[in-house]
Amino acid sequence: MRLFFALELPPSLRAALAAAQETLRAAGPARVTWCTDAQLHLTLAFLGDVDDPAPWVEAARGVAAAHAGLTLAPGPFGTFGQPPRVVWAGLAGPGVDALRRLVVDLERALAPLGHAPEARGFAAHVTLGRVRDGGGGRGRRPRKQHGLDELVAAVRALPAPAHPPFAVGELVLFESRLAPPRPAEYVPLARLPLAGAPAAGAPAG
C-alpha cells in the first residue's frame, strides 16, 4: 500500500485551482501531467509502501489530538526545480505557522516507524501538475522541453485564487491506488480529528 498523510481542501477551492490549471494549460506547449480535481490536496508526509497502516495511524492520532484546527487561505502559485518540474499552488493564512509545527510533530512521531522527512523541508503547497521531461534517453541529461518559459511566465502572472480562508479539522491517511493508464486514485483510510477543530472545509469566521 502506498500511503500518505494529507489535509483535504474544500471543493470550492479545488474548483478554483482547476480553473487555474486550465489557464496554465492554455499558456503554451509545455507538456505537463495535470492533477485531477480529486487529487488536489496538501501532503504532510509521504510514507511510501506500507504493509500495515495501523501503527502509522496510531502514531499520528496523538499528534492530531495535540494540535488545534487550522485556518488556511490560498497563496501565490509557483514552480519547483530548474528547469521547472512541479507546478504548485501555495497556501497561506494565519494557520501556516501552526501547520509547520504540526508537520514537525508528525514527522517526529513517524520516525520510529522508519519515516524520513523530505530533505528540502516542508512547504505548504498543493501540487497542480508535474512537467514531463524533455527526453534525452537513458544516461543523458533531459533536454529542456519547448514551452517552459511560457509556462513559468503564466504561473508567475496568476493571482492567488479569490477564495475565502477555510478551516481544516482533520488529518487524513490516504492510500494511492495506481491503475495505469488511469490517474491514481486517492482513497481515505483514516480520518484523525484535530483538537477542538470545526468541520473540515467549513468557511472560517
C-alpha atoms as a PDB file:
ATOM      1  CA  MET A   1       0.000   0.000   0.000  1.00  0.00           C
ATOM      2  CA  ARG A   2       1.324   3.437  -0.963  1.00  0.00           C
ATOM      3  CA  LEU A   3       0.256   5.778   1.831  1.00  0.00           C
ATOM      4  CA  PHE A   4       0.487   9.442   2.728  1.00  0.00           C
ATOM      5  CA  PHE A   5      -0.914  11.820   5.329  1.00  0.00           C
ATOM      6  CA  ALA A   6      -2.586  14.937   3.975  1.00  0.00           C
ATOM      7  CA  LEU A   7      -5.109  17.681   4.547  1.00  0.00           C
ATOM      8  CA  GLU A   8      -8.166  17.838   2.313  1.00  0.00           C
ATOM      9  CA  LEU A   9      -9.230  21.019   0.529  1.00  0.00           C
ATOM     10  CA  PRO A  10     -12.806  22.317   0.271  1.00  0.00           C
ATOM     11  CA  PRO A  11     -14.486  21.570  -3.076  1.00  0.00           C
ATOM     12  CA  SER A  12     -14.784  25.288  -3.833  1.00  0.00           C
ATOM     13  CA  LEU A  13     -11.015  25.749  -3.576  1.00  0.00           C
ATOM     14  CA  ARG A  14     -10.360  22.657  -5.679  1.00  0.00           C
ATOM     15  CA  ALA A  15     -12.639  24.160  -8.332  1.00  0.00           C
ATOM     16  CA  ALA A  16     -10.687  27.433  -8.241  1.00  0.00           C
ATOM     17  CA  LEU A  17      -7.401  25.557  -8.613  1.00  0.00           C
ATOM     18  CA  ALA A  18      -8.829  23.534 -11.502  1.00  0.00           C
ATOM     19  CA  ALA A  19      -9.682  26.828 -13.233  1.00  0.00           C
ATOM     20  CA  ALA A  20      -6.093  27.963 -12.716  1.00  0.00           C
ATOM     21  CA  GLN A  21      -4.891  24.709 -14.286  1.00  0.00           C
ATOM     22  CA  GLU A  22      -6.965  25.472 -17.385  1.00  0.00           C
ATOM     23  CA  THR A  23      -5.370  28.921 -17.637  1.00  0.00           C
ATOM     24  CA  LEU A  24      -1.899  27.390 -17.417  1.00  0.00           C
ATOM     25  CA  ARG A  25      -2.801  24.623 -19.857  1.00  0.00           C
ATOM     26  CA  ALA A  26      -3.597  27.273 -22.455  1.00  0.00           C
ATOM     27  CA  ALA A  27      -0.396  29.236 -21.829  1.00  0.00           C
ATOM     28  CA  GLY A  28       1.861  27.277 -24.156  1.00  0.00           C
ATOM     29  CA  PRO A  29       3.030  23.919 -25.468  1.00  0.00           C
ATOM     30  CA  ALA A  30       4.821  22.676 -22.316  1.00  0.00           C
ATOM     31  CA  ARG A  31       3.946  19.059 -21.573  1.00  0.00           C
ATOM     32  CA  VAL A  32       2.505  18.786 -18.064  1.00  0.00           C
ATOM     33  CA  THR A  33       0.633  15.950 -16.382  1.00  0.00           C
ATOM     34  CA  TRP A  34      -2.061  17.860 -14.513  1.00  0.00           C
ATOM     35  CA  CYS A  35      -3.596  16.523 -11.308  1.00  0.00           C
ATOM     36  CA  THR A  36      -7.319  15.817 -11.373  1.00  0.00           C
ATOM     37  CA  ASP A  37      -9.735  17.651  -9.097  1.00  0.00           C
ATOM     38  CA  ALA A  38      -9.895  14.608  -6.793  1.00  0.00           C
ATOM     39  CA  GLN A  39      -6.094  14.541  -6.483  1.00  0.00           C
ATOM     40  CA  LEU A  40      -5.727  18.099  -5.171  1.00  0.00           C
ATOM     41  CA  HIS A  41      -4.665  18.038  -1.507  1.00  0.00           C
ATOM     42  CA  LEU A  42      -1.941  19.228   0.864  1.00  0.00           C
ATOM     43  CA  THR A  43       0.560  16.424   1.543  1.00  0.00           C
ATOM     44  CA  LEU A  44       2.096  16.429   5.023  1.00  0.00           C
ATOM     45  CA  ALA A  45       4.048  13.159   4.996  1.00  0.00           C
ATOM     46  CA  PHE A  46       4.528  10.639   2.176  1.00  0.00           C
ATOM     47  CA  LEU A  47       5.057   7.186   3.671  1.00  0.00           C
ATOM     48  CA  GLY A  48       5.615   5.134   0.518  1.00  0.00           C
ATOM     49  CA  ASP A  49       4.918   1.380   0.545  1.00  0.00           C
ATOM     50  CA  VAL A  50       3.490   0.215   3.874  1.00  0.00           C
ATOM     51  CA  ASP A  51       2.272  -3.290   4.757  1.00  0.00           C
ATOM     52  CA  ASP A  52       0.114  -2.385   7.765  1.00  0.00           C
ATOM     53  CA  PRO A  53      -1.288   1.130   8.205  1.00  0.00           C
ATOM     54  CA  ALA A  54      -2.412   0.591  11.817  1.00  0.00           C
ATOM     55  CA  PRO A  55       0.868   1.605  13.561  1.00  0.00           C
ATOM     56  CA  TRP A  56       1.082   4.726  11.424  1.00  0.00           C
ATOM     57  CA  VAL A  57      -2.486   5.695  12.274  1.00  0.00           C
ATOM     58  CA  GLU A  58      -1.858   5.248  15.987  1.00  0.00           C
ATOM     59  CA  ALA A  59       1.359   7.282  15.825  1.00  0.00           C
ATOM     60  CA  ALA A  60      -0.439  10.134  14.071  1.00  0.00           C
ATOM     61  CA  ARG A  61      -3.564  10.016  16.241  1.00  0.00           C
ATOM     62  CA  GLY A  62      -1.790  11.521  19.245  1.00  0.00           C
ATOM     63  CA  VAL A  63      -0.289  14.258  17.087  1.00  0.00           C
ATOM     64  CA  ALA A  64      -3.703  15.210  15.698  1.00  0.00           C
ATOM     65  CA  ALA A  65      -5.207  15.275  19.181  1.00  0.00           C
ATOM     66  CA  ALA A  66      -2.468  17.654  20.382  1.00  0.00           C
ATOM     67  CA  HIS A  67      -2.992  20.252  17.634  1.00  0.00           C
ATOM     68  CA  ALA A  68      -5.910  22.610  17.200  1.00  0.00           C
ATOM     69  CA  GLY A  69      -7.787  23.090  13.955  1.00  0.00           C
ATOM     70  CA  LEU A  70      -6.215  25.361  11.360  1.00  0.00           C
ATOM     71  CA  THR A  71      -7.366  28.268   9.233  1.00  0.00           C
ATOM     72  CA  LEU A  72      -5.647  28.483   5.852  1.00  0.00           C
ATOM     73  CA  ALA A  73      -6.038  30.620   2.756  1.00  0.00           C
ATOM     74  CA  PRO A  74      -4.904  30.362  -0.871  1.00  0.00           C
ATOM     75  CA  GLY A  75      -1.450  31.746  -1.614  1.00  0.00           C
ATOM     76  CA  PRO A  76       0.564  32.501  -4.762  1.00  0.00           C
ATOM     77  CA  PHE A  77       1.435  29.998  -7.474  1.00  0.00           C
ATOM     78  CA  GLY A  78       4.941  28.803  -8.227  1.00  0.00           C
ATOM     79  CA  THR A  79       7.214  26.053  -9.535  1.00  0.00           C
ATOM     80  CA  PHE A  80       9.881  23.774  -8.101  1.00  0.00           C
ATOM     81  CA  GLY A  81      13.088  22.944  -9.939  1.00  0.00           C
ATOM     82  CA  GLN A  82      15.265  24.463 -12.625  1.00  0.00           C
ATOM     83  CA  PRO A  83      14.079  23.713 -15.222  1.00  0.00           C
ATOM     84  CA  PRO A  84      10.689  23.508 -13.504  1.00  0.00           C
ATOM     85  CA  ARG A  85       9.484  20.021 -12.569  1.00  0.00           C
ATOM     86  CA  VAL A  86       6.406  20.784 -10.451  1.00  0.00           C
ATOM     87  CA  VAL A  87       3.700  23.454 -10.725  1.00  0.00           C
ATOM     88  CA  TRP A  88       2.087  24.264  -7.394  1.00  0.00           C
ATOM     89  CA  ALA A  89      -0.371  26.493  -5.578  1.00  0.00           C
ATOM     90  CA  GLY A  90       0.745  27.892  -2.252  1.00  0.00           C
ATOM     91  CA  LEU A  91      -1.220  28.066   0.976  1.00  0.00           C
ATOM     92  CA  ALA A  92      -1.026  30.975   3.394  1.00  0.00           C
ATOM     93  CA  GLY A  93      -3.146  32.406   6.182  1.00  0.00           C
ATOM     94  CA  PRO A  94      -2.987  32.533   9.970  1.00  0.00           C
ATOM     95  CA  GLY A  95      -2.655  28.770  10.342  1.00  0.00           C
ATOM     96  CA  VAL A  96       0.556  28.280   8.363  1.00  0.00           C
ATOM     97  CA  ASP A  97       2.892  28.519  11.361  1.00  0.00           C
ATOM     98  CA  ALA A  98       0.717  26.064  13.292  1.00  0.00           C
ATOM     99  CA  LEU A  99       0.724  23.819  10.226  1.00  0.00           C
ATOM    100  CA  ARG A 100       4.531  23.739  10.219  1.00  0.00           C
ATOM    101  CA  ARG A 101       4.525  22.754  13.896  1.00  0.00           C
ATOM    102  CA  LEU A 102       2.011  20.008  13.133  1.00  0.00           C
ATOM    103  CA  VAL A 103       4.285  18.645  10.396  1.00  0.00           C
ATOM    104  CA  VAL A 104       7.337  18.705  12.688  1.00  0.00           C
ATOM    105  CA  ASP A 105       5.466  16.766  15.369  1.00  0.00           C
ATOM    106  CA  LEU A 106       4.042  14.342  12.817  1.00  0.00           C
ATOM    107  CA  GLU A 107       7.476  13.591  11.370  1.00  0.00           C
ATOM    108  CA  ARG A 108       8.873  13.104  14.873  1.00  0.00           C
ATOM    109  CA  ALA A 109       6.076  10.647  15.727  1.00  0.00           C
ATOM    110  CA  LEU A 110       6.526   8.693  12.492  1.00  0.00           C
ATOM    111  CA  ALA A 111      10.331   8.491  12.644  1.00  0.00           C
ATOM    112  CA  PRO A 112      10.428   5.345  14.856  1.00  0.00           C
ATOM    113  CA  LEU A 113       8.402   3.574  12.163  1.00  0.00           C
ATOM    114  CA  GLY A 114      11.035   4.362   9.543  1.00  0.00           C
ATOM    115  CA  HIS A 115       9.689   7.576   8.053  1.00  0.00           C
ATOM    116  CA  ALA A 116      12.316  10.009   6.753  1.00  0.00           C
ATOM    117  CA  PRO A 117      11.218  13.636   6.270  1.00  0.00           C
ATOM    118  CA  GLU A 118      11.651  15.426   2.961  1.00  0.00           C
ATOM    119  CA  ALA A 119      15.234  16.623   2.573  1.00  0.00           C
ATOM    120  CA  ARG A 120      14.113  20.000   1.205  1.00  0.00           C
ATOM    121  CA  GLY A 121      11.859  20.672   4.199  1.00  0.00           C
ATOM    122  CA  PHE A 122       8.142  21.360   4.321  1.00  0.00           C
ATOM    123  CA  ALA A 123       6.467  23.951   2.105  1.00  0.00           C
ATOM    124  CA  ALA A 124       2.705  24.434   2.311  1.00  0.00           C
ATOM    125  CA  HIS A 125       1.667  23.779  -1.280  1.00  0.00           C
ATOM    126  CA  VAL A 126      -0.762  21.858  -3.455  1.00  0.00           C
ATOM    127  CA  THR A 127       0.755  20.100  -6.459  1.00  0.00           C
ATOM    128  CA  LEU A 128      -1.142  21.101  -9.607  1.00  0.00           C
ATOM    129  CA  GLY A 129       0.940  19.268 -12.191  1.00  0.00           C
ATOM    130  CA  ARG A 130       4.263  17.629 -12.975  1.00  0.00           C
ATOM    131  CA  VAL A 131       6.301  18.647 -16.004  1.00  0.00           C
ATOM    132  CA  ARG A 132       7.248  15.724 -18.216  1.00  0.00           C
ATOM    133  CA  ASP A 133      10.949  15.541 -19.005  1.00  0.00           C
ATOM    134  CA  GLY A 134      12.263  16.554 -22.380  1.00  0.00           C
ATOM    135  CA  GLY A 135      13.623  13.151 -23.295  1.00  0.00           C
ATOM    136  CA  GLY A 136      17.369  12.723 -23.597  1.00  0.00           C
ATOM    137  CA  GLY A 137      17.387   8.952 -23.206  1.00  0.00           C
ATOM    138  CA  ARG A 138      18.991   6.744 -20.581  1.00  0.00           C
ATOM    139  CA  GLY A 139      22.123   8.198 -19.041  1.00  0.00           C
ATOM    140  CA  ARG A 140      21.600  11.565 -20.680  1.00  0.00           C
ATOM    141  CA  ARG A 141      20.550  14.773 -19.097  1.00  0.00           C
ATOM    142  CA  PRO A 142      16.917  15.529 -20.034  1.00  0.00           C
ATOM    143  CA  ARG A 143      16.561  18.291 -22.587  1.00  0.00           C
ATOM    144  CA  LYS A 144      14.688  21.416 -21.641  1.00  0.00           C
ATOM    145  CA  GLN A 145      11.368  20.969 -23.355  1.00  0.00           C
ATOM    146  CA  HIS A 146       9.717  23.595 -25.528  1.00  0.00           C
ATOM    147  CA  GLY A 147       7.294  25.979 -23.847  1.00  0.00           C
ATOM    148  CA  LEU A 148       8.636  26.028 -20.287  1.00  0.00           C
ATOM    149  CA  ASP A 149       9.430  29.749 -20.355  1.00  0.00           C
ATOM    150  CA  GLU A 150       5.830  30.475 -21.307  1.00  0.00           C
ATOM    151  CA  LEU A 151       4.577  28.173 -18.558  1.00  0.00           C
ATOM    152  CA  VAL A 152       6.725  29.832 -15.877  1.00  0.00           C
ATOM    153  CA  ALA A 153       5.640  33.292 -17.022  1.00  0.00           C
ATOM    154  CA  ALA A 154       1.981  32.236 -16.840  1.00  0.00           C
ATOM    155  CA  VAL A 155       2.470  30.780 -13.349  1.00  0.00           C
ATOM    156  CA  ARG A 156       4.067  33.999 -12.107  1.00  0.00           C
ATOM    157  CA  ALA A 157       1.267  36.092 -13.613  1.00  0.00           C
ATOM    158  CA  LEU A 158      -1.541  34.163 -11.912  1.00  0.00           C
ATOM    159  CA  PRO A 159      -3.019  35.904  -8.871  1.00  0.00           C
ATOM    160  CA  ALA A 160      -3.858  33.840  -5.807  1.00  0.00           C
ATOM    161  CA  PRO A 161      -7.359  32.375  -6.077  1.00  0.00           C
ATOM    162  CA  ALA A 162     -10.134  34.669  -4.842  1.00  0.00           C
ATOM    163  CA  HIS A 163     -11.280  32.204  -2.203  1.00  0.00           C
ATOM    164  CA  PRO A 164     -12.014  32.924   1.484  1.00  0.00           C
ATOM    165  CA  PRO A 165      -9.954  31.384   4.279  1.00  0.00           C
ATOM    166  CA  PHE A 166     -11.123  27.892   5.203  1.00  0.00           C
ATOM    167  CA  ALA A 167     -10.989  25.671   8.261  1.00  0.00           C
ATOM    168  CA  VAL A 168      -9.097  22.372   8.390  1.00  0.00           C
ATOM    169  CA  GLY A 169     -10.343  19.975  11.035  1.00  0.00           C
ATOM    170  CA  GLU A 170      -8.720  16.606  10.432  1.00  0.00           C
ATOM    171  CA  LEU A 171      -5.615  14.770   9.333  1.00  0.00           C
ATOM    172  CA  VAL A 172      -6.311  12.119   6.687  1.00  0.00           C
ATOM    173  CA  LEU A 173      -4.366   8.974   5.815  1.00  0.00           C
ATOM    174  CA  PHE A 174      -4.739   8.223   2.103  1.00  0.00           C
ATOM    175  CA  GLU A 175      -3.866   5.198   0.013  1.00  0.00           C
ATOM    176  CA  SER A 176      -2.663   5.941  -3.517  1.00  0.00           C
ATOM    177  CA  ARG A 177      -4.062   3.256  -5.809  1.00  0.00           C
ATOM    178  CA  LEU A 178      -2.348   3.034  -9.182  1.00  0.00           C
ATOM    179  CA  ALA A 179      -4.197   1.645 -12.179  1.00  0.00           C
ATOM    180  CA  PRO A 180      -2.470   2.898 -15.365  1.00  0.00           C
ATOM    181  CA  PRO A 181      -3.369   4.437 -17.698  1.00  0.00           C
ATOM    182  CA  ARG A 182      -5.980   5.987 -15.413  1.00  0.00           C
ATOM    183  CA  PRO A 183      -4.922   8.650 -12.891  1.00  0.00           C
ATOM    184  CA  ALA A 184      -4.038   7.438  -9.415  1.00  0.00           C
ATOM    185  CA  GLU A 185      -6.993   7.235  -7.038  1.00  0.00           C
ATOM    186  CA  TYR A 186      -6.525   8.598  -3.518  1.00  0.00           C
ATOM    187  CA  VAL A 187      -8.667   6.643  -1.048  1.00  0.00           C
ATOM    188  CA  PRO A 188      -9.035   7.866   2.561  1.00  0.00           C
ATOM    189  CA  LEU A 189      -8.253   5.086   5.056  1.00  0.00           C
ATOM    190  CA  ALA A 190      -8.395   7.005   8.340  1.00  0.00           C
ATOM    191  CA  ARG A 191      -9.560  10.425   9.496  1.00  0.00           C
ATOM    192  CA  LEU A 192      -7.946  11.827  12.635  1.00  0.00           C
ATOM    193  CA  PRO A 193      -9.697  14.908  14.105  1.00  0.00           C
ATOM    194  CA  LEU A 194      -7.602  17.843  15.223  1.00  0.00           C
ATOM    195  CA  ALA A 195      -8.313  19.031  18.762  1.00  0.00           C
ATOM    196  CA  GLY A 196     -11.319  21.297  19.046  1.00  0.00           C
ATOM    197  CA  ALA A 197     -11.470  21.701  15.276  1.00  0.00           C
ATOM    198  CA  PRO A 198     -14.520  22.811  13.284  1.00  0.00           C
ATOM    199  CA  ALA A 199     -15.712  20.630  10.463  1.00  0.00           C
ATOM    200  CA  ALA A 200     -13.091  20.327   7.734  1.00  0.00           C
ATOM    201  CA  GLY A 201     -13.689  22.627   4.792  1.00  0.00           C
ATOM    202  CA  ALA A 202     -16.014  24.936   6.692  1.00  0.00           C
ATOM    203  CA  PRO A 203     -15.608  28.656   5.948  1.00  0.00           C
ATOM    204  CA  ALA A 204     -13.524  30.368   8.579  1.00  0.00           C
ATOM    205  CA  GLY A 205     -15.270  33.051  10.545  1.00  0.00           C
END
